Amino acid sequence: MGHRKSLIALVIVGLAVVMLLTFVPYSLTLVKSAGQHAVATLRAELPGEQAPHLPSPSGPPPAAPPLDVSVWYVTRGEEPERHGVLIETLDGRLTLASHNADTAFNPASLVKLATSLAALRRFGKDHRFETRVYADGEIDKQQTLQGNLYLVGSDPTFGDVAASLIARTLRGRGIERVRDKILVSPGLSFNYNESAEDSAAHLARVMNLK
């Protein structure tokens, strides 16, 4: 009797295992088919297959290829070793051209680049130099200033053009001649003269008011 119960239990367990092994693969197949069907339905409802969204690249743009300065000089019949060049953006992040950049050369007229940069940083790009004109006498009927004429200023570019414009303005105000002297302040340099006396002499000659 006990052996019969054990045999029946064993048969029941065996049938359960057979049913499980038969049903599970079929269930997995149904799940896989359902998943594929859902994906196909989703794609059919979309207006077009969307490209994945990629983040925009960060960091500075790729640097432009630098100019071959050596070749540039050679093609113009120059000796590259006699020249030094460094061209970069104002923030120093991008070098546009470099050749003998660490070699010391006589800068010659290029010194004005350094002085121009210093002036821009000191005064700003909107600064304008002023030259003031004073007189200490009366203007007679012959349109002669009975006294001295003074020019005060520190414009480093003051020269023939500025002097001619001042002379034209004075004539427009009735001064054709100056009886005494035309004097300048110590800071006024006419055509880069080093002394106030030389500047005054050249200024009087250009203004032609004597």
N, C-alpha and C. Protein backbone atom coordinates (compact mmCIF):
# COMPACT_ATOMS: atom_id res chain seq x y z
N MET A 1 0.83 -1.19 0.00
CA MET A 1 0.00 0.00 0.00
C MET A 1 0.86 1.24 0.00
N GLY A 2 1.91 1.27 0.83
CA GLY A 2 2.82 2.40 0.90
C GLY A 2 3.57 2.57 -0.39
N HIS A 3 4.00 1.44 -1.02
CA HIS A 3 4.73 1.53 -2.29
C HIS A 3 3.85 2.10 -3.38
N ARG A 4 2.52 1.76 -3.35
CA ARG A 4 1.61 2.27 -4.38
C ARG A 4 1.47 3.78 -4.26
N LYS A 5 1.37 4.33 -3.03
CA LYS A 5 1.25 5.77 -2.84
C LYS A 5 2.49 6.50 -3.33
N SER A 6 3.64 5.91 -3.06
CA SER A 6 4.89 6.53 -3.51
C SER A 6 4.95 6.56 -5.02
N LEU A 7 4.50 5.48 -5.67
CA LEU A 7 4.53 5.41 -7.13
C LEU A 7 3.59 6.44 -7.73
N ILE A 8 2.38 6.57 -7.11
CA ILE A 8 1.41 7.56 -7.61
C ILE A 8 1.98 8.98 -7.47
N ALA A 9 2.63 9.27 -6.34
CA ALA A 9 3.21 10.59 -6.12
C ALA A 9 4.30 10.88 -7.14
N LEU A 10 5.11 9.85 -7.44
CA LEU A 10 6.20 10.02 -8.41
C LEU A 10 5.64 10.31 -9.79
N VAL A 11 4.54 9.62 -10.14
CA VAL A 11 3.92 9.84 -11.46
C VAL A 11 3.38 11.26 -11.56
N ILE A 12 2.75 11.74 -10.46
CA ILE A 12 2.18 13.10 -10.46
C ILE A 12 3.29 14.15 -10.64
N VAL A 13 4.39 13.94 -9.91
CA VAL A 13 5.52 14.88 -10.03
C VAL A 13 6.06 14.87 -11.44
N GLY A 14 6.18 13.67 -12.04
CA GLY A 14 6.71 13.57 -13.40
C GLY A 14 5.82 14.28 -14.39
N LEU A 15 4.50 14.12 -14.25
CA LEU A 15 3.58 14.81 -15.15
C LEU A 15 3.68 16.34 -15.00
N ALA A 16 3.86 16.80 -13.77
CA ALA A 16 3.99 18.24 -13.53
C ALA A 16 5.24 18.81 -14.22
N VAL A 17 6.35 18.03 -14.13
CA VAL A 17 7.61 18.47 -14.77
C VAL A 17 7.44 18.54 -16.27
N VAL A 18 6.78 17.49 -16.84
CA VAL A 18 6.59 17.46 -18.30
C VAL A 18 5.75 18.64 -18.76
N MET A 19 4.69 18.96 -18.01
CA MET A 19 3.83 20.08 -18.38
C MET A 19 4.58 21.42 -18.28
N LEU A 20 5.41 21.53 -17.25
CA LEU A 20 6.18 22.77 -17.06
C LEU A 20 7.15 23.00 -18.21
N LEU A 21 7.87 21.91 -18.57
CA LEU A 21 8.84 22.02 -19.66
C LEU A 21 8.16 22.30 -20.99
N THR A 22 6.93 21.83 -21.11
CA THR A 22 6.21 22.06 -22.37
C THR A 22 5.66 23.49 -22.45
N PHE A 23 5.22 24.07 -21.33
CA PHE A 23 4.53 25.35 -21.32
C PHE A 23 5.50 26.55 -21.32
N VAL A 24 6.63 26.42 -20.61
CA VAL A 24 7.56 27.56 -20.47
C VAL A 24 8.12 28.04 -21.80
N PRO A 25 8.67 27.14 -22.69
CA PRO A 25 9.17 27.64 -23.98
C PRO A 25 8.09 28.34 -24.78
N TYR A 26 6.86 27.79 -24.70
CA TYR A 26 5.77 28.40 -25.45
C TYR A 26 5.46 29.81 -24.89
N SER A 27 5.54 29.95 -23.57
CA SER A 27 5.30 31.26 -22.94
C SER A 27 6.36 32.27 -23.35
N LEU A 28 7.62 31.80 -23.37
CA LEU A 28 8.71 32.70 -23.77
C LEU A 28 8.53 33.15 -25.21
N THR A 29 8.07 32.21 -26.06
CA THR A 29 7.84 32.57 -27.46
C THR A 29 6.75 33.62 -27.58
N LEU A 30 5.68 33.48 -26.77
CA LEU A 30 4.61 34.47 -26.79
C LEU A 30 5.10 35.85 -26.34
N VAL A 31 5.94 35.86 -25.29
CA VAL A 31 6.47 37.14 -24.79
C VAL A 31 7.34 37.81 -25.84
N LYS A 32 8.20 37.01 -26.51
CA LYS A 32 9.08 37.56 -27.54
C LYS A 32 8.27 38.12 -28.69
N SER A 33 7.23 37.37 -29.11
CA SER A 33 6.39 37.81 -30.22
C SER A 33 5.65 39.09 -29.85
N ALA A 34 5.16 39.14 -28.62
CA ALA A 34 4.45 40.35 -28.18
C ALA A 34 5.36 41.56 -28.16
N GLY A 35 6.61 41.36 -27.73
CA GLY A 35 7.57 42.47 -27.70
C GLY A 35 7.88 42.97 -29.10
N GLN A 36 8.11 42.03 -30.04
CA GLN A 36 8.39 42.42 -31.41
C GLN A 36 7.21 43.16 -32.03
N HIS A 37 6.02 42.70 -31.73
CA HIS A 37 4.82 43.33 -32.27
C HIS A 37 4.67 44.76 -31.73
N ALA A 38 4.98 44.94 -30.44
CA ALA A 38 4.88 46.28 -29.84
C ALA A 38 5.88 47.24 -30.47
N VAL A 39 7.10 46.77 -30.71
CA VAL A 39 8.12 47.62 -31.34
C VAL A 39 7.70 47.99 -32.74
N ALA A 40 7.19 47.01 -33.51
CA ALA A 40 6.75 47.27 -34.88
C ALA A 40 5.62 48.28 -34.90
N THR A 41 4.69 48.17 -33.97
CA THR A 41 3.56 49.10 -33.90
C THR A 41 4.04 50.51 -33.57
N LEU A 42 4.98 50.63 -32.65
CA LEU A 42 5.51 51.94 -32.26
C LEU A 42 6.20 52.62 -33.43
N ARG A 43 7.00 51.86 -34.19
CA ARG A 43 7.70 52.43 -35.34
C ARG A 43 6.71 52.86 -36.41
N ALA A 44 5.64 52.10 -36.58
CA ALA A 44 4.66 52.44 -37.60
C ALA A 44 3.93 53.73 -37.26
N GLU A 45 3.75 54.03 -35.97
CA GLU A 45 3.01 55.22 -35.57
C GLU A 45 3.87 56.48 -35.60
N LEU A 46 5.20 56.33 -35.55
CA LEU A 46 6.08 57.48 -35.58
C LEU A 46 6.16 58.03 -37.00
N PRO A 47 6.27 59.40 -37.18
CA PRO A 47 6.35 59.96 -38.53
C PRO A 47 7.64 59.61 -39.24
N GLY A 48 8.63 59.32 -38.55
CA GLY A 48 9.92 58.95 -39.14
C GLY A 48 10.83 58.49 -38.05
N GLU A 49 11.78 57.73 -38.40
CA GLU A 49 12.68 57.20 -37.36
C GLU A 49 13.54 58.34 -36.86
N GLN A 50 13.50 58.56 -35.58
CA GLN A 50 14.20 59.67 -34.98
C GLN A 50 15.67 59.32 -34.78
N ALA A 51 16.54 60.27 -35.18
CA ALA A 51 17.96 60.07 -34.93
C ALA A 51 18.24 60.35 -33.46
N PRO A 52 19.11 59.62 -32.85
CA PRO A 52 19.40 59.86 -31.43
C PRO A 52 19.94 61.26 -31.23
N HIS A 53 19.52 61.89 -30.13
CA HIS A 53 19.97 63.25 -29.82
C HIS A 53 21.35 63.20 -29.19
N LEU A 54 22.28 63.85 -29.85
CA LEU A 54 23.65 63.87 -29.35
C LEU A 54 23.95 65.25 -28.79
N PRO A 55 24.62 65.32 -27.67
CA PRO A 55 24.96 66.63 -27.11
C PRO A 55 25.91 67.37 -28.04
N SER A 56 25.76 68.71 -28.07
CA SER A 56 26.64 69.51 -28.91
C SER A 56 28.06 69.45 -28.37
N PRO A 57 29.04 69.47 -29.26
CA PRO A 57 30.43 69.39 -28.79
C PRO A 57 30.79 70.60 -27.96
N SER A 58 31.56 70.38 -26.92
CA SER A 58 31.99 71.46 -26.04
C SER A 58 33.45 71.77 -26.29
N GLY A 59 33.87 72.93 -25.78
CA GLY A 59 35.25 73.32 -25.93
C GLY A 59 35.45 74.23 -27.13
N PRO A 60 36.65 74.78 -27.32
CA PRO A 60 36.92 75.71 -28.42
C PRO A 60 36.87 75.01 -29.76
N PRO A 61 36.56 75.74 -30.83
CA PRO A 61 36.56 75.13 -32.16
C PRO A 61 37.96 74.71 -32.55
N PRO A 62 38.08 73.79 -33.48
CA PRO A 62 39.42 73.34 -33.88
C PRO A 62 40.23 74.49 -34.44
N ALA A 63 41.50 74.54 -34.08
CA ALA A 63 42.36 75.63 -34.50
C ALA A 63 42.62 75.58 -36.00
N ALA A 64 42.64 76.76 -36.60
CA ALA A 64 42.95 76.82 -38.03
C ALA A 64 44.42 76.50 -38.24
N PRO A 65 44.77 75.88 -39.35
CA PRO A 65 46.17 75.56 -39.59
C PRO A 65 47.00 76.84 -39.66
N PRO A 66 48.12 76.90 -38.95
CA PRO A 66 48.91 78.13 -38.93
C PRO A 66 49.56 78.39 -40.28
N LEU A 67 49.82 79.66 -40.53
CA LEU A 67 50.50 80.07 -41.76
C LEU A 67 51.95 79.60 -41.72
N ASP A 68 52.43 79.06 -42.82
CA ASP A 68 53.84 78.66 -42.92
C ASP A 68 54.64 79.91 -43.26
N VAL A 69 55.12 80.59 -42.24
CA VAL A 69 55.79 81.87 -42.43
C VAL A 69 57.09 81.70 -43.20
N SER A 70 57.81 80.62 -42.94
CA SER A 70 59.08 80.40 -43.62
C SER A 70 58.89 80.34 -45.13
N VAL A 71 57.89 79.59 -45.57
CA VAL A 71 57.61 79.50 -47.01
C VAL A 71 57.18 80.87 -47.54
N TRP A 72 56.42 81.59 -46.75
CA TRP A 72 55.95 82.92 -47.17
C TRP A 72 57.13 83.84 -47.47
N TYR A 73 58.15 83.82 -46.60
CA TYR A 73 59.32 84.67 -46.83
C TYR A 73 60.15 84.17 -48.02
N VAL A 74 60.31 82.87 -48.14
CA VAL A 74 61.11 82.31 -49.24
C VAL A 74 60.52 82.69 -50.58
N THR A 75 59.21 82.59 -50.72
CA THR A 75 58.56 82.91 -52.00
C THR A 75 58.69 84.38 -52.36
N ARG A 76 59.09 85.21 -51.41
CA ARG A 76 59.28 86.63 -51.68
C ARG A 76 60.76 87.01 -51.70
N GLY A 77 61.61 86.02 -51.78
CA GLY A 77 63.04 86.27 -51.89
C GLY A 77 63.70 86.72 -50.61
N GLU A 78 63.06 86.51 -49.47
CA GLU A 78 63.61 86.90 -48.18
C GLU A 78 64.26 85.71 -47.48
N GLU A 79 65.14 86.01 -46.52
CA GLU A 79 65.77 84.97 -45.72
C GLU A 79 64.95 84.77 -44.45
N PRO A 80 64.31 83.61 -44.29
CA PRO A 80 63.43 83.40 -43.13
C PRO A 80 64.12 83.57 -41.79
N GLU A 81 65.42 83.21 -41.72
CA GLU A 81 66.11 83.27 -40.43
C GLU A 81 66.33 84.71 -39.96
N ARG A 82 66.13 85.68 -40.83
CA ARG A 82 66.32 87.08 -40.46
C ARG A 82 65.03 87.72 -39.95
N HIS A 83 63.99 86.93 -39.82
CA HIS A 83 62.69 87.48 -39.43
C HIS A 83 62.09 86.67 -38.29
N GLY A 84 61.30 87.34 -37.49
CA GLY A 84 60.54 86.68 -36.44
C GLY A 84 59.09 87.16 -36.47
N VAL A 85 58.18 86.22 -36.34
CA VAL A 85 56.75 86.55 -36.45
C VAL A 85 55.97 85.80 -35.38
N LEU A 86 55.04 86.48 -34.75
CA LEU A 86 54.08 85.84 -33.86
C LEU A 86 52.76 86.58 -34.00
N ILE A 87 51.76 85.89 -34.54
CA ILE A 87 50.43 86.47 -34.71
C ILE A 87 49.44 85.58 -33.97
N GLU A 88 48.74 86.15 -33.02
CA GLU A 88 47.76 85.38 -32.26
C GLU A 88 46.55 86.24 -31.96
N THR A 89 45.47 85.59 -31.55
CA THR A 89 44.26 86.33 -31.20
C THR A 89 44.49 87.13 -29.93
N LEU A 90 43.62 88.12 -29.70
CA LEU A 90 43.83 89.04 -28.59
C LEU A 90 43.84 88.33 -27.25
N ASP A 91 43.05 87.26 -27.12
CA ASP A 91 43.01 86.53 -25.86
C ASP A 91 44.14 85.51 -25.73
N GLY A 92 44.97 85.36 -26.78
CA GLY A 92 46.10 84.45 -26.73
C GLY A 92 45.76 82.98 -26.85
N ARG A 93 44.51 82.65 -27.17
CA ARG A 93 44.11 81.24 -27.21
C ARG A 93 44.42 80.59 -28.56
N LEU A 94 44.59 81.40 -29.60
CA LEU A 94 44.79 80.83 -30.93
C LEU A 94 45.98 81.51 -31.60
N THR A 95 46.97 80.72 -31.99
CA THR A 95 48.14 81.23 -32.71
C THR A 95 47.90 81.08 -34.20
N LEU A 96 47.96 82.19 -34.92
CA LEU A 96 47.70 82.19 -36.35
C LEU A 96 48.98 81.97 -37.15
N ALA A 97 50.09 82.46 -36.64
CA ALA A 97 51.37 82.28 -37.34
C ALA A 97 52.49 82.43 -36.32
N SER A 98 53.52 81.62 -36.47
CA SER A 98 54.66 81.67 -35.55
C SER A 98 55.92 81.26 -36.29
N HIS A 99 56.96 82.09 -36.17
CA HIS A 99 58.24 81.80 -36.81
C HIS A 99 59.32 82.55 -36.04
N ASN A 100 60.27 81.81 -35.47
CA ASN A 100 61.32 82.41 -34.64
C ASN A 100 60.71 83.31 -33.55
N ALA A 101 59.62 82.84 -32.97
CA ALA A 101 58.89 83.68 -32.01
C ALA A 101 59.69 83.98 -30.75
N ASP A 102 60.65 83.14 -30.39
CA ASP A 102 61.44 83.35 -29.17
C ASP A 102 62.81 83.95 -29.45
N THR A 103 63.05 84.38 -30.68
CA THR A 103 64.33 84.97 -31.06
C THR A 103 64.24 86.49 -30.95
N ALA A 104 65.26 87.12 -30.37
CA ALA A 104 65.26 88.57 -30.20
C ALA A 104 65.73 89.26 -31.48
N PHE A 105 64.98 90.25 -31.94
CA PHE A 105 65.33 91.03 -33.11
C PHE A 105 65.21 92.52 -32.77
N ASN A 106 65.86 93.36 -33.58
CA ASN A 106 65.67 94.80 -33.47
C ASN A 106 64.28 95.13 -34.01
N PRO A 107 63.37 95.63 -33.18
CA PRO A 107 62.00 95.83 -33.64
C PRO A 107 61.83 96.98 -34.63
N ALA A 108 62.81 97.90 -34.66
CA ALA A 108 62.75 99.04 -35.59
C ALA A 108 61.41 99.76 -35.46
N SER A 109 60.75 100.01 -36.60
CA SER A 109 59.51 100.80 -36.57
C SER A 109 58.35 100.06 -35.92
N LEU A 110 58.50 98.77 -35.66
CA LEU A 110 57.41 98.02 -35.03
C LEU A 110 57.24 98.40 -33.55
N VAL A 111 58.14 99.22 -33.02
CA VAL A 111 57.98 99.69 -31.64
C VAL A 111 56.65 100.43 -31.49
N LYS A 112 56.19 101.04 -32.58
CA LYS A 112 54.93 101.78 -32.49
C LYS A 112 53.75 100.88 -32.15
N LEU A 113 53.87 99.58 -32.41
CA LEU A 113 52.80 98.67 -32.00
C LEU A 113 52.69 98.62 -30.48
N ALA A 114 53.84 98.57 -29.81
CA ALA A 114 53.83 98.53 -28.34
C ALA A 114 53.32 99.85 -27.76
N THR A 115 53.78 100.98 -28.33
CA THR A 115 53.32 102.27 -27.82
C THR A 115 51.83 102.48 -28.10
N SER A 116 51.37 102.00 -29.25
CA SER A 116 49.94 102.12 -29.56
C SER A 116 49.10 101.30 -28.58
N LEU A 117 49.58 100.09 -28.25
CA LEU A 117 48.86 99.26 -27.29
C LEU A 117 48.84 99.92 -25.92
N ALA A 118 49.98 100.49 -25.51
CA ALA A 118 50.03 101.17 -24.21
C ALA A 118 49.08 102.37 -24.18
N ALA A 119 49.02 103.12 -25.29
CA ALA A 119 48.12 104.28 -25.34
C ALA A 119 46.66 103.85 -25.29
N LEU A 120 46.32 102.77 -25.99
CA LEU A 120 44.94 102.29 -25.97
C LEU A 120 44.53 101.85 -24.57
N ARG A 121 45.44 101.16 -23.87
CA ARG A 121 45.12 100.71 -22.51
C ARG A 121 45.06 101.87 -21.53
N ARG A 122 45.87 102.89 -21.77
CA ARG A 122 45.90 104.03 -20.84
C ARG A 122 44.73 104.99 -21.08
N PHE A 123 44.45 105.31 -22.34
CA PHE A 123 43.46 106.34 -22.64
C PHE A 123 42.13 105.77 -23.15
N GLY A 124 42.14 104.59 -23.76
CA GLY A 124 40.92 104.06 -24.36
C GLY A 124 40.80 104.48 -25.82
N LYS A 125 40.01 103.73 -26.57
CA LYS A 125 39.93 103.95 -28.02
C LYS A 125 39.18 105.23 -28.39
N ASP A 126 38.41 105.81 -27.48
CA ASP A 126 37.63 107.01 -27.78
C ASP A 126 38.31 108.30 -27.33
N HIS A 127 39.53 108.20 -26.82
CA HIS A 127 40.23 109.40 -26.33
C HIS A 127 40.63 110.29 -27.50
N ARG A 128 40.53 111.60 -27.30
CA ARG A 128 40.97 112.58 -28.28
C ARG A 128 41.87 113.60 -27.58
N PHE A 129 43.05 113.85 -28.17
CA PHE A 129 43.96 114.86 -27.62
C PHE A 129 43.45 116.26 -27.99
N GLU A 130 43.61 117.18 -27.07
CA GLU A 130 43.18 118.56 -27.29
C GLU A 130 44.38 119.49 -27.32
N THR A 131 44.33 120.45 -28.23
CA THR A 131 45.33 121.52 -28.28
C THR A 131 44.59 122.84 -28.10
N ARG A 132 44.93 123.56 -27.04
CA ARG A 132 44.24 124.82 -26.72
C ARG A 132 45.09 126.01 -27.19
N VAL A 133 44.40 127.07 -27.62
CA VAL A 133 45.06 128.26 -28.16
C VAL A 133 44.65 129.47 -27.32
N TYR A 134 45.66 130.25 -26.87
CA TYR A 134 45.41 131.44 -26.06
C TYR A 134 46.11 132.64 -26.70
N ALA A 135 45.57 133.81 -26.45
CA ALA A 135 46.19 135.06 -26.91
C ALA A 135 46.16 136.06 -25.76
N ASP A 136 47.17 136.94 -25.68
CA ASP A 136 47.23 137.91 -24.57
C ASP A 136 47.26 139.36 -25.06
N GLY A 137 46.67 139.64 -26.19
CA GLY A 137 46.65 141.02 -26.69
C GLY A 137 45.36 141.33 -27.44
N GLU A 138 45.30 142.54 -27.97
CA GLU A 138 44.15 143.00 -28.74
C GLU A 138 44.40 142.79 -30.23
N ILE A 139 43.30 142.73 -30.98
CA ILE A 139 43.38 142.63 -32.44
C ILE A 139 43.07 144.01 -33.01
N ASP A 140 44.02 144.58 -33.74
CA ASP A 140 43.82 145.93 -34.28
C ASP A 140 43.08 145.88 -35.61
N LYS A 141 42.93 147.07 -36.22
CA LYS A 141 42.18 147.17 -37.46
C LYS A 141 42.87 146.47 -38.63
N GLN A 142 44.16 146.30 -38.53
CA GLN A 142 44.89 145.58 -39.58
C GLN A 142 44.87 144.07 -39.36
N GLN A 143 44.04 143.62 -38.42
CA GLN A 143 43.88 142.19 -38.10
C GLN A 143 45.19 141.58 -37.60
N THR A 144 45.90 142.39 -36.80
CA THR A 144 47.14 141.93 -36.19
C THR A 144 46.92 141.77 -34.70
N LEU A 145 47.32 140.62 -34.17
CA LEU A 145 47.23 140.39 -32.72
C LEU A 145 48.39 141.12 -32.06
N GLN A 146 48.07 142.10 -31.23
CA GLN A 146 49.10 142.87 -30.54
C GLN A 146 49.51 142.14 -29.26
N GLY A 147 50.25 141.05 -29.42
CA GLY A 147 50.69 140.27 -28.27
C GLY A 147 51.21 138.91 -28.70
N ASN A 148 51.17 137.98 -27.78
CA ASN A 148 51.67 136.63 -28.05
C ASN A 148 50.52 135.65 -28.31
N LEU A 149 50.86 134.58 -29.01
CA LEU A 149 49.92 133.48 -29.24
C LEU A 149 50.51 132.24 -28.59
N TYR A 150 49.70 131.53 -27.80
CA TYR A 150 50.17 130.36 -27.06
C TYR A 150 49.39 129.12 -27.50
N LEU A 151 50.09 128.03 -27.69
CA LEU A 151 49.48 126.74 -27.97
C LEU A 151 49.87 125.78 -26.85
N VAL A 152 48.87 125.16 -26.25
CA VAL A 152 49.09 124.24 -25.12
C VAL A 152 48.46 122.90 -25.45
N GLY A 153 49.25 121.84 -25.31
CA GLY A 153 48.72 120.51 -25.58
C GLY A 153 49.79 119.45 -25.47
N SER A 154 49.39 118.22 -25.70
CA SER A 154 50.34 117.09 -25.63
C SER A 154 50.02 116.04 -26.69
N ASP A 155 49.45 116.49 -27.82
CA ASP A 155 49.11 115.56 -28.89
C ASP A 155 50.39 115.06 -29.56
N PRO A 156 50.70 113.76 -29.47
CA PRO A 156 51.95 113.27 -30.06
C PRO A 156 51.94 113.30 -31.58
N THR A 157 50.76 113.48 -32.20
CA THR A 157 50.68 113.51 -33.66
C THR A 157 50.58 114.93 -34.21
N PHE A 158 50.74 115.91 -33.35
CA PHE A 158 50.58 117.31 -33.79
C PHE A 158 51.65 117.65 -34.83
N GLY A 159 51.19 118.21 -35.96
CA GLY A 159 52.13 118.55 -37.04
C GLY A 159 51.53 119.55 -38.00
N ASP A 160 51.94 119.46 -39.26
CA ASP A 160 51.57 120.46 -40.27
C ASP A 160 50.05 120.58 -40.44
N VAL A 161 49.36 119.45 -40.49
CA VAL A 161 47.91 119.49 -40.73
C VAL A 161 47.20 120.23 -39.61
N ALA A 162 47.50 119.88 -38.36
CA ALA A 162 46.86 120.53 -37.22
C ALA A 162 47.21 122.02 -37.18
N ALA A 163 48.46 122.36 -37.46
CA ALA A 163 48.88 123.77 -37.44
C ALA A 163 48.14 124.56 -38.51
N SER A 164 47.98 124.00 -39.70
CA SER A 164 47.27 124.69 -40.78
C SER A 164 45.80 124.90 -40.42
N LEU A 165 45.17 123.91 -39.77
CA LEU A 165 43.77 124.05 -39.36
C LEU A 165 43.61 125.15 -38.32
N ILE A 166 44.55 125.25 -37.37
CA ILE A 166 44.48 126.30 -36.35
C ILE A 166 44.66 127.68 -37.00
N ALA A 167 45.61 127.79 -37.93
CA ALA A 167 45.83 129.07 -38.61
C ALA A 167 44.58 129.49 -39.39
N ARG A 168 43.92 128.53 -40.04
CA ARG A 168 42.69 128.85 -40.77
C ARG A 168 41.60 129.33 -39.83
N THR A 169 41.49 128.69 -38.65
CA THR A 169 40.49 129.10 -37.67
C THR A 169 40.77 130.51 -37.16
N LEU A 170 42.05 130.82 -36.89
CA LEU A 170 42.41 132.16 -36.41
C LEU A 170 42.12 133.23 -37.45
N ARG A 171 42.38 132.94 -38.70
CA ARG A 171 42.08 133.91 -39.76
C ARG A 171 40.57 134.12 -39.87
N GLY A 172 39.83 133.03 -39.65
CA GLY A 172 38.38 133.18 -39.66
C GLY A 172 37.87 134.04 -38.53
N ARG A 173 38.67 134.20 -37.48
CA ARG A 173 38.29 135.05 -36.34
C ARG A 173 38.97 136.41 -36.40
N GLY A 174 39.59 136.70 -37.51
CA GLY A 174 40.13 138.05 -37.70
C GLY A 174 41.58 138.23 -37.35
N ILE A 175 42.36 137.16 -37.20
CA ILE A 175 43.79 137.29 -36.89
C ILE A 175 44.58 136.84 -38.12
N GLU A 176 45.20 137.82 -38.78
CA GLU A 176 46.02 137.52 -39.94
C GLU A 176 47.50 137.47 -39.59
N ARG A 177 47.88 138.19 -38.53
CA ARG A 177 49.28 138.24 -38.13
C ARG A 177 49.38 138.26 -36.61
N VAL A 178 50.54 137.85 -36.11
CA VAL A 178 50.84 137.91 -34.67
C VAL A 178 52.07 138.80 -34.52
N ARG A 179 51.92 139.91 -33.76
CA ARG A 179 53.03 140.86 -33.64
C ARG A 179 54.19 140.28 -32.87
N ASP A 180 53.91 139.61 -31.76
CA ASP A 180 55.00 139.14 -30.90
C ASP A 180 55.35 137.68 -31.22
N LYS A 181 55.30 136.82 -30.24
CA LYS A 181 55.79 135.46 -30.44
C LYS A 181 54.66 134.43 -30.50
N ILE A 182 54.97 133.32 -31.13
CA ILE A 182 54.11 132.13 -31.07
C ILE A 182 54.85 131.13 -30.19
N LEU A 183 54.27 130.83 -29.05
CA LEU A 183 54.92 129.99 -28.05
C LEU A 183 54.11 128.70 -27.85
N VAL A 184 54.80 127.65 -27.41
CA VAL A 184 54.14 126.37 -27.15
C VAL A 184 54.50 125.90 -25.74
N SER A 185 53.64 125.09 -25.17
CA SER A 185 53.90 124.52 -23.85
C SER A 185 54.97 123.44 -23.96
N PRO A 186 55.64 123.12 -22.84
CA PRO A 186 56.71 122.10 -22.90
C PRO A 186 56.23 120.74 -23.41
N GLY A 187 54.95 120.43 -23.23
CA GLY A 187 54.47 119.12 -23.65
C GLY A 187 54.07 119.03 -25.10
N LEU A 188 54.07 120.15 -25.83
CA LEU A 188 53.66 120.13 -27.23
C LEU A 188 54.87 119.89 -28.12
N SER A 189 54.81 118.84 -28.90
CA SER A 189 55.91 118.50 -29.81
C SER A 189 55.39 118.60 -31.24
N PHE A 190 55.97 119.52 -32.00
CA PHE A 190 55.55 119.72 -33.38
C PHE A 190 56.39 118.83 -34.30
N ASN A 191 55.72 117.92 -34.99
CA ASN A 191 56.42 116.98 -35.88
C ASN A 191 57.56 116.26 -35.17
N TYR A 192 57.32 115.88 -33.92
CA TYR A 192 58.25 115.09 -33.12
C TYR A 192 59.54 115.83 -32.77
N ASN A 193 59.50 117.17 -32.78
CA ASN A 193 60.68 117.92 -32.33
C ASN A 193 60.87 117.70 -30.84
N GLU A 194 62.12 117.68 -30.41
CA GLU A 194 62.43 117.35 -29.02
C GLU A 194 62.39 118.55 -28.09
N SER A 195 62.43 119.77 -28.60
CA SER A 195 62.43 120.94 -27.72
C SER A 195 61.25 121.85 -28.07
N ALA A 196 60.78 122.57 -27.05
CA ALA A 196 59.66 123.49 -27.27
C ALA A 196 60.06 124.63 -28.20
N GLU A 197 61.32 125.07 -28.14
CA GLU A 197 61.78 126.16 -29.01
C GLU A 197 61.73 125.75 -30.47
N ASP A 198 62.21 124.53 -30.78
CA ASP A 198 62.17 124.06 -32.16
C ASP A 198 60.73 123.88 -32.63
N SER A 199 59.89 123.36 -31.75
CA SER A 199 58.48 123.18 -32.11
C SER A 199 57.83 124.52 -32.42
N ALA A 200 58.10 125.54 -31.60
CA ALA A 200 57.51 126.86 -31.82
C ALA A 200 57.99 127.47 -33.13
N ALA A 201 59.26 127.31 -33.44
CA ALA A 201 59.81 127.87 -34.68
C ALA A 201 59.17 127.22 -35.91
N HIS A 202 59.06 125.89 -35.90
CA HIS A 202 58.44 125.20 -37.02
C HIS A 202 56.95 125.53 -37.11
N LEU A 203 56.30 125.65 -35.97
CA LEU A 203 54.88 125.97 -35.94
C LEU A 203 54.62 127.34 -36.56
N ALA A 204 55.43 128.34 -36.19
CA ALA A 204 55.26 129.70 -36.73
C ALA A 204 55.45 129.71 -38.24
N ARG A 205 56.39 128.92 -38.72
CA ARG A 205 56.66 128.87 -40.16
C ARG A 205 55.46 128.28 -40.92
N VAL A 206 54.86 127.22 -40.37
CA VAL A 206 53.73 126.57 -41.04
C VAL A 206 52.47 127.43 -40.95
N MET A 207 52.23 128.05 -39.80
CA MET A 207 51.03 128.87 -39.62
C MET A 207 51.09 130.16 -40.44
N ASN A 208 52.30 130.64 -40.69
CA ASN A 208 52.51 131.82 -41.55
C ASN A 208 51.69 133.02 -41.07
N LEU A 209 51.82 133.30 -39.78
CA LEU A 209 51.11 134.44 -39.19
C LEU A 209 52.06 135.56 -38.78
N LYS A 210 53.32 135.47 -39.12
CA LYS A 210 54.29 136.48 -38.72
C LYS A 210 54.48 137.52 -39.82
